[in-house]
Amino acid sequence: MAQALDNEIQKYLPLLGDSEKKSLLSVIKSFLNLRNEVSGTISIADYNKELEAAEAEFEKGDYISHEEMIKKIKQW
């Protein structure tokens, strides 16, 4: 079924003008962003930003040791 849909989309795509293609691309991106928000996934760029922020915190000494985390967990 998915292959049939892909083929049909490919058949109609060349018939669209540039403005229509831009609109369609915007809709596709919106669907993907919504799906990512619902599923809890993030983009690679956002993931890399989070990693860089975490590494910067670590380099500043802003972290707790494994032992400290175990103590905190036991207090939950």
PDB file of N, CA and C in Angstrom:
ATOM      1  N   MET A   1       0.826  -1.200   0.000  1.00  0.00           N
ATOM      2  CA  MET A   1       0.000   0.000   0.000  1.00  0.00           C
ATOM      3  C   MET A   1       0.864   1.255   0.000  1.00  0.00           C
ATOM      4  N   ALA A   2       1.902   1.283   0.854  1.00  0.00           N
ATOM      5  CA  ALA A   2       2.767   2.465   0.927  1.00  0.00           C
ATOM      6  C   ALA A   2       3.446   2.725  -0.411  1.00  0.00           C
ATOM      7  N   GLN A   3       3.863   1.671  -1.084  1.00  0.00           N
ATOM      8  CA  GLN A   3       4.535   1.836  -2.380  1.00  0.00           C
ATOM      9  C   GLN A   3       3.576   2.439  -3.406  1.00  0.00           C
ATOM     10  N   ALA A   4       2.316   2.026  -3.372  1.00  0.00           N
ATOM     11  CA  ALA A   4       1.325   2.573  -4.299  1.00  0.00           C
ATOM     12  C   ALA A   4       1.122   4.066  -4.046  1.00  0.00           C
ATOM     13  N   LEU A   5       1.085   4.453  -2.767  1.00  0.00           N
ATOM     14  CA  LEU A   5       0.947   5.874  -2.433  1.00  0.00           C
ATOM     15  C   LEU A   5       2.155   6.668  -2.898  1.00  0.00           C
ATOM     16  N   ASP A   6       3.344   6.126  -2.653  1.00  0.00           N
ATOM     17  CA  ASP A   6       4.573   6.800  -3.094  1.00  0.00           C
ATOM     18  C   ASP A   6       4.559   7.001  -4.612  1.00  0.00           C
ATOM     19  N   ASN A   7       4.146   5.968  -5.336  1.00  0.00           N
ATOM     20  CA  ASN A   7       4.101   6.064  -6.801  1.00  0.00           C
ATOM     21  C   ASN A   7       3.095   7.113  -7.262  1.00  0.00           C
ATOM     22  N   GLU A   8       1.955   7.170  -6.595  1.00  0.00           N
ATOM     23  CA  GLU A   8       0.941   8.147  -6.975  1.00  0.00           C
ATOM     24  C   GLU A   8       1.418   9.573  -6.703  1.00  0.00           C
ATOM     25  N   ILE A   9       2.062   9.765  -5.571  1.00  0.00           N
ATOM     26  CA  ILE A   9       2.615  11.091  -5.254  1.00  0.00           C
ATOM     27  C   ILE A   9       3.641  11.489  -6.308  1.00  0.00           C
ATOM     28  N   GLN A  10       4.530  10.548  -6.664  1.00  0.00           N
ATOM     29  CA  GLN A  10       5.548  10.825  -7.675  1.00  0.00           C
ATOM     30  C   GLN A  10       4.929  11.187  -9.021  1.00  0.00           C
ATOM     31  N   LYS A  11       3.774  10.613  -9.317  1.00  0.00           N
ATOM     32  CA  LYS A  11       3.094  10.879 -10.584  1.00  0.00           C
ATOM     33  C   LYS A  11       2.564  12.318 -10.639  1.00  0.00           C
ATOM     34  N   TYR A  12       2.057  12.813  -9.497  1.00  0.00           N
ATOM     35  CA  TYR A  12       1.456  14.147  -9.474  1.00  0.00           C
ATOM     36  C   TYR A  12       2.458  15.264  -9.198  1.00  0.00           C
ATOM     37  N   LEU A  13       3.543  14.981  -8.565  1.00  0.00           N
ATOM     38  CA  LEU A  13       4.503  16.010  -8.173  1.00  0.00           C
ATOM     39  C   LEU A  13       4.991  16.877  -9.333  1.00  0.00           C
ATOM     40  N   PRO A  14       5.339  16.300 -10.475  1.00  0.00           N
ATOM     41  CA  PRO A  14       5.807  17.147 -11.591  1.00  0.00           C
ATOM     42  C   PRO A  14       4.733  18.085 -12.146  1.00  0.00           C
ATOM     43  N   LEU A  15       3.482  17.822 -11.832  1.00  0.00           N
ATOM     44  CA  LEU A  15       2.395  18.651 -12.349  1.00  0.00           C
ATOM     45  C   LEU A  15       2.193  19.929 -11.540  1.00  0.00           C
ATOM     46  N   LEU A  16       2.836  20.014 -10.391  1.00  0.00           N
ATOM     47  CA  LEU A  16       2.669  21.170  -9.507  1.00  0.00           C
ATOM     48  C   LEU A  16       3.646  22.279  -9.875  1.00  0.00           C
ATOM     49  N   GLY A  17       3.205  23.521  -9.622  1.00  0.00           N
ATOM     50  CA  GLY A  17       4.083  24.666  -9.799  1.00  0.00           C
ATOM     51  C   GLY A  17       4.959  24.851  -8.569  1.00  0.00           C
ATOM     52  N   ASP A  18       5.890  25.784  -8.660  1.00  0.00           N
ATOM     53  CA  ASP A  18       6.820  26.020  -7.547  1.00  0.00           C
ATOM     54  C   ASP A  18       6.105  26.420  -6.266  1.00  0.00           C
ATOM     55  N   SER A  19       5.138  27.323  -6.371  1.00  0.00           N
ATOM     56  CA  SER A  19       4.439  27.754  -5.154  1.00  0.00           C
ATOM     57  C   SER A  19       3.649  26.604  -4.542  1.00  0.00           C
ATOM     58  N   GLU A  20       3.078  25.769  -5.380  1.00  0.00           N
ATOM     59  CA  GLU A  20       2.337  24.604  -4.878  1.00  0.00           C
ATOM     60  C   GLU A  20       3.289  23.608  -4.212  1.00  0.00           C
ATOM     61  N   LYS A  21       4.451  23.423  -4.800  1.00  0.00           N
ATOM     62  CA  LYS A  21       5.449  22.521  -4.207  1.00  0.00           C
ATOM     63  C   LYS A  21       5.924  23.050  -2.857  1.00  0.00           C
ATOM     64  N   LYS A  22       6.111  24.372  -2.758  1.00  0.00           N
ATOM     65  CA  LYS A  22       6.518  24.965  -1.484  1.00  0.00           C
ATOM     66  C   LYS A  22       5.443  24.752  -0.428  1.00  0.00           C
ATOM     67  N   SER A  23       4.184  24.921  -0.825  1.00  0.00           N
ATOM     68  CA  SER A  23       3.080  24.693   0.115  1.00  0.00           C
ATOM     69  C   SER A  23       3.037  23.238   0.556  1.00  0.00           C
ATOM     70  N   LEU A  24       3.190  22.338  -0.388  1.00  0.00           N
ATOM     71  CA  LEU A  24       3.177  20.914  -0.071  1.00  0.00           C
ATOM     72  C   LEU A  24       4.330  20.555   0.857  1.00  0.00           C
ATOM     73  N   LEU A  25       5.500  21.092   0.591  1.00  0.00           N
ATOM     74  CA  LEU A  25       6.659  20.838   1.439  1.00  0.00           C
ATOM     75  C   LEU A  25       6.416  21.348   2.857  1.00  0.00           C
ATOM     76  N   SER A  26       5.786  22.496   2.967  1.00  0.00           N
ATOM     77  CA  SER A  26       5.448  23.041   4.281  1.00  0.00           C
ATOM     78  C   SER A  26       4.500  22.118   5.040  1.00  0.00           C
ATOM     79  N   VAL A  27       3.515  21.580   4.344  1.00  0.00           N
ATOM     80  CA  VAL A  27       2.568  20.650   4.973  1.00  0.00           C
ATOM     81  C   VAL A  27       3.294  19.380   5.423  1.00  0.00           C
ATOM     82  N   ILE A  28       4.150  18.854   4.579  1.00  0.00           N
ATOM     83  CA  ILE A  28       4.897  17.637   4.924  1.00  0.00           C
ATOM     84  C   ILE A  28       5.755  17.878   6.167  1.00  0.00           C
ATOM     85  N   LYS A  29       6.462  19.012   6.205  1.00  0.00           N
ATOM     86  CA  LYS A  29       7.294  19.322   7.371  1.00  0.00           C
ATOM     87  C   LYS A  29       6.445  19.471   8.634  1.00  0.00           C
ATOM     88  N   SER A  30       5.264  20.068   8.486  1.00  0.00           N
ATOM     89  CA  SER A  30       4.366  20.217   9.639  1.00  0.00           C
ATOM     90  C   SER A  30       3.939  18.859  10.174  1.00  0.00           C
ATOM     91  N   PHE A  31       3.594  17.949   9.265  1.00  0.00           N
ATOM     92  CA  PHE A  31       3.214  16.598   9.688  1.00  0.00           C
ATOM     93  C   PHE A  31       4.353  15.916  10.431  1.00  0.00           C
ATOM     94  N   LEU A  32       5.567  16.033   9.906  1.00  0.00           N
ATOM     95  CA  LEU A  32       6.709  15.383  10.537  1.00  0.00           C
ATOM     96  C   LEU A  32       7.025  15.999  11.892  1.00  0.00           C
ATOM     97  N   ASN A  33       6.939  17.322  11.992  1.00  0.00           N
ATOM     98  CA  ASN A  33       7.187  17.981  13.273  1.00  0.00           C
ATOM     99  C   ASN A  33       6.153  17.563  14.310  1.00  0.00           C
ATOM    100  N   LEU A  34       4.894  17.494  13.896  1.00  0.00           N
ATOM    101  CA  LEU A  34       3.835  17.078  14.806  1.00  0.00           C
ATOM    102  C   LEU A  34       4.058  15.649  15.259  1.00  0.00           C
ATOM    103  N   ARG A  35       4.422  14.783  14.329  1.00  0.00           N
ATOM    104  CA  ARG A  35       4.681  13.381  14.676  1.00  0.00           C
ATOM    105  C   ARG A  35       5.835  13.282  15.669  1.00  0.00           C
ATOM    106  N   ASN A  36       6.876  14.077  15.475  1.00  0.00           N
ATOM    107  CA  ASN A  36       8.010  14.063  16.397  1.00  0.00           C
ATOM    108  C   ASN A  36       7.606  14.558  17.776  1.00  0.00           C
ATOM    109  N   GLU A  37       6.757  15.586  17.828  1.00  0.00           N
ATOM    110  CA  GLU A  37       6.297  16.103  19.117  1.00  0.00           C
ATOM    111  C   GLU A  37       5.467  15.062  19.855  1.00  0.00           C
ATOM    112  N   VAL A  38       4.605  14.373  19.135  1.00  0.00           N
ATOM    113  CA  VAL A  38       3.730  13.372  19.747  1.00  0.00           C
ATOM    114  C   VAL A  38       4.538  12.172  20.219  1.00  0.00           C
ATOM    115  N   SER A  39       5.508  11.754  19.409  1.00  0.00           N
ATOM    116  CA  SER A  39       6.288  10.564  19.764  1.00  0.00           C
ATOM    117  C   SER A  39       7.411  10.870  20.750  1.00  0.00           C
ATOM    118  N   GLY A  40       7.690  12.155  20.954  1.00  0.00           N
ATOM    119  CA  GLY A  40       8.739  12.530  21.897  1.00  0.00           C
ATOM    120  C   GLY A  40      10.126  12.533  21.290  1.00  0.00           C
ATOM    121  N   THR A  41      10.230  12.359  19.992  1.00  0.00           N
ATOM    122  CA  THR A  41      11.547  12.386  19.365  1.00  0.00           C
ATOM    123  C   THR A  41      11.933  13.829  19.049  1.00  0.00           C
ATOM    124  N   ILE A  42      13.215  14.048  18.896  1.00  0.00           N
ATOM    125  CA  ILE A  42      13.705  15.373  18.548  1.00  0.00           C
ATOM    126  C   ILE A  42      14.595  15.267  17.320  1.00  0.00           C
ATOM    127  N   SER A  43      14.840  16.389  16.705  1.00  0.00           N
ATOM    128  CA  SER A  43      15.686  16.398  15.517  1.00  0.00           C
ATOM    129  C   SER A  43      17.141  16.160  15.915  1.00  0.00           C
ATOM    130  N   ILE A  44      17.925  15.793  14.952  1.00  0.00           N
ATOM    131  CA  ILE A  44      19.357  15.578  15.198  1.00  0.00           C
ATOM    132  C   ILE A  44      20.009  16.881  15.654  1.00  0.00           C
ATOM    133  N   ALA A  45      19.603  17.991  15.052  1.00  0.00           N
ATOM    134  CA  ALA A  45      20.171  19.296  15.434  1.00  0.00           C
ATOM    135  C   ALA A  45      19.856  19.606  16.898  1.00  0.00           C
ATOM    136  N   ASP A  46      18.598  19.378  17.313  1.00  0.00           N
ATOM    137  CA  ASP A  46      18.229  19.627  18.711  1.00  0.00           C
ATOM    138  C   ASP A  46      18.962  18.674  19.653  1.00  0.00           C
ATOM    139  N   TYR A  47      19.096  17.424  19.227  1.00  0.00           N
ATOM    140  CA  TYR A  47      19.818  16.435  20.030  1.00  0.00           C
ATOM    141  C   TYR A  47      21.269  16.882  20.230  1.00  0.00           C
ATOM    142  N   ASN A  48      21.889  17.333  19.151  1.00  0.00           N
ATOM    143  CA  ASN A  48      23.280  17.787  19.250  1.00  0.00           C
ATOM    144  C   ASN A  48      23.405  19.012  20.151  1.00  0.00           C
ATOM    145  N   LYS A  49      22.424  19.919  20.114  1.00  0.00           N
ATOM    146  CA  LYS A  49      22.437  21.081  20.998  1.00  0.00           C
ATOM    147  C   LYS A  49      22.356  20.644  22.457  1.00  0.00           C
ATOM    148  N   GLU A  50      21.495  19.660  22.722  1.00  0.00           N
ATOM    149  CA  GLU A  50      21.378  19.159  24.093  1.00  0.00           C
ATOM    150  C   GLU A  50      22.687  18.518  24.558  1.00  0.00           C
ATOM    151  N   LEU A  51      23.330  17.778  23.675  1.00  0.00           N
ATOM    152  CA  LEU A  51      24.621  17.172  24.019  1.00  0.00           C
ATOM    153  C   LEU A  51      25.675  18.243  24.311  1.00  0.00           C
ATOM    154  N   GLU A  52      25.730  19.270  23.475  1.00  0.00           N
ATOM    155  CA  GLU A  52      26.704  20.343  23.683  1.00  0.00           C
ATOM    156  C   GLU A  52      26.453  21.055  25.008  1.00  0.00           C
ATOM    157  N   ALA A  53      25.193  21.284  25.343  1.00  0.00           N
ATOM    158  CA  ALA A  53      24.869  21.942  26.613  1.00  0.00           C
ATOM    159  C   ALA A  53      25.279  21.062  27.792  1.00  0.00           C
ATOM    160  N   ALA A  54      25.020  19.766  27.683  1.00  0.00           N
ATOM    161  CA  ALA A  54      25.382  18.836  28.755  1.00  0.00           C
ATOM    162  C   ALA A  54      26.901  18.771  28.923  1.00  0.00           C
ATOM    163  N   GLU A  55      27.629  18.749  27.810  1.00  0.00           N
ATOM    164  CA  GLU A  55      29.088  18.702  27.878  1.00  0.00           C
ATOM    165  C   GLU A  55      29.637  19.982  28.512  1.00  0.00           C
ATOM    166  N   ALA A  56      29.031  21.117  28.187  1.00  0.00           N
ATOM    167  CA  ALA A  56      29.475  22.388  28.768  1.00  0.00           C
ATOM    168  C   ALA A  56      29.239  22.391  30.280  1.00  0.00           C
ATOM    169  N   GLU A  57      28.097  21.874  30.730  1.00  0.00           N
ATOM    170  CA  GLU A  57      27.824  21.777  32.168  1.00  0.00           C
ATOM    171  C   GLU A  57      28.861  20.884  32.846  1.00  0.00           C
ATOM    172  N   PHE A  58      29.162  19.766  32.218  1.00  0.00           N
ATOM    173  CA  PHE A  58      30.137  18.836  32.780  1.00  0.00           C
ATOM    174  C   PHE A  58      31.504  19.499  32.902  1.00  0.00           C
ATOM    175  N   GLU A  59      31.913  20.209  31.849  1.00  0.00           N
ATOM    176  CA  GLU A  59      33.221  20.868  31.864  1.00  0.00           C
ATOM    177  C   GLU A  59      33.305  21.944  32.944  1.00  0.00           C
ATOM    178  N   LYS A  60      32.165  22.559  33.286  1.00  0.00           N
ATOM    179  CA  LYS A  60      32.132  23.562  34.355  1.00  0.00           C
ATOM    180  C   LYS A  60      32.068  22.908  35.736  1.00  0.00           C
ATOM    181  N   GLY A  61      31.976  21.585  35.763  1.00  0.00           N
ATOM    182  CA  GLY A  61      31.878  20.885  37.043  1.00  0.00           C
ATOM    183  C   GLY A  61      30.455  20.811  37.573  1.00  0.00           C
ATOM    184  N   ASP A  62      29.495  21.115  36.730  1.00  0.00           N
ATOM    185  CA  ASP A  62      28.091  21.115  37.141  1.00  0.00           C
ATOM    186  C   ASP A  62      27.492  19.725  36.916  1.00  0.00           C
ATOM    187  N   TYR A  63      27.821  18.811  37.812  1.00  0.00           N
ATOM    188  CA  TYR A  63      27.305  17.448  37.748  1.00  0.00           C
ATOM    189  C   TYR A  63      27.394  16.831  39.131  1.00  0.00           C
ATOM    190  N   ILE A  64      26.756  15.661  39.284  1.00  0.00           N
ATOM    191  CA  ILE A  64      26.879  14.933  40.551  1.00  0.00           C
ATOM    192  C   ILE A  64      27.460  13.562  40.256  1.00  0.00           C
ATOM    193  N   SER A  65      28.129  13.005  41.232  1.00  0.00           N
ATOM    194  CA  SER A  65      28.760  11.703  41.046  1.00  0.00           C
ATOM    195  C   SER A  65      27.707  10.596  41.067  1.00  0.00           C
ATOM    196  N   HIS A  66      28.118   9.437  40.652  1.00  0.00           N
ATOM    197  CA  HIS A  66      27.245   8.264  40.672  1.00  0.00           C
ATOM    198  C   HIS A  66      26.782   7.976  42.099  1.00  0.00           C
ATOM    199  N   GLU A  67      27.690   8.054  43.030  1.00  0.00           N
ATOM    200  CA  GLU A  67      27.357   7.785  44.431  1.00  0.00           C
ATOM    201  C   GLU A  67      26.314   8.777  44.955  1.00  0.00           C
ATOM    202  N   GLU A  68      26.485  10.061  44.590  1.00  0.00           N
ATOM    203  CA  GLU A  68      25.523  11.072  45.011  1.00  0.00           C
ATOM    204  C   GLU A  68      24.144  10.798  44.408  1.00  0.00           C
ATOM    205  N   MET A  69      24.119  10.351  43.168  1.00  0.00           N
ATOM    206  CA  MET A  69      22.841  10.051  42.519  1.00  0.00           C
ATOM    207  C   MET A  69      22.160   8.865  43.200  1.00  0.00           C
ATOM    208  N   ILE A  70      22.919   7.863  43.565  1.00  0.00           N
ATOM    209  CA  ILE A  70      22.348   6.702  44.274  1.00  0.00           C
ATOM    210  C   ILE A  70      21.697   7.161  45.574  1.00  0.00           C
ATOM    211  N   LYS A  71      22.372   8.055  46.305  1.00  0.00           N
ATOM    212  CA  LYS A  71      21.817   8.580  47.565  1.00  0.00           C
ATOM    213  C   LYS A  71      20.499   9.310  47.289  1.00  0.00           C
ATOM    214  N   LYS A  72      20.463  10.123  46.221  1.00  0.00           N
ATOM    215  CA  LYS A  72      19.243  10.866  45.905  1.00  0.00           C
ATOM    216  C   LYS A  72      18.104   9.904  45.528  1.00  0.00           C
ATOM    217  N   ILE A  73      18.438   8.886  44.764  1.00  0.00           N
ATOM    218  CA  ILE A  73      17.418   7.919  44.346  1.00  0.00           C
ATOM    219  C   ILE A  73      16.815   7.217  45.545  1.00  0.00           C
ATOM    220  N   LYS A  74      17.632   6.887  46.513  1.00  0.00           N
ATOM    221  CA  LYS A  74      17.135   6.200  47.703  1.00  0.00           C
ATOM    222  C   LYS A  74      16.191   7.065  48.518  1.00  0.00           C
ATOM    223  N   GLN A  75      16.241   8.382  48.329  1.00  0.00           N
ATOM    224  CA  GLN A  75      15.368   9.299  49.060  1.00  0.00           C
ATOM    225  C   GLN A  75      14.006   9.461  48.379  1.00  0.00           C
ATOM    226  N   TRP A  76      13.843   8.943  47.175  1.00  0.00           N
ATOM    227  CA  TRP A  76      12.598   9.103  46.444  1.00  0.00           C
ATOM    228  C   TRP A  76      11.490   8.316  47.080  1.00  0.00           C
TER     229      TRP A  76
END
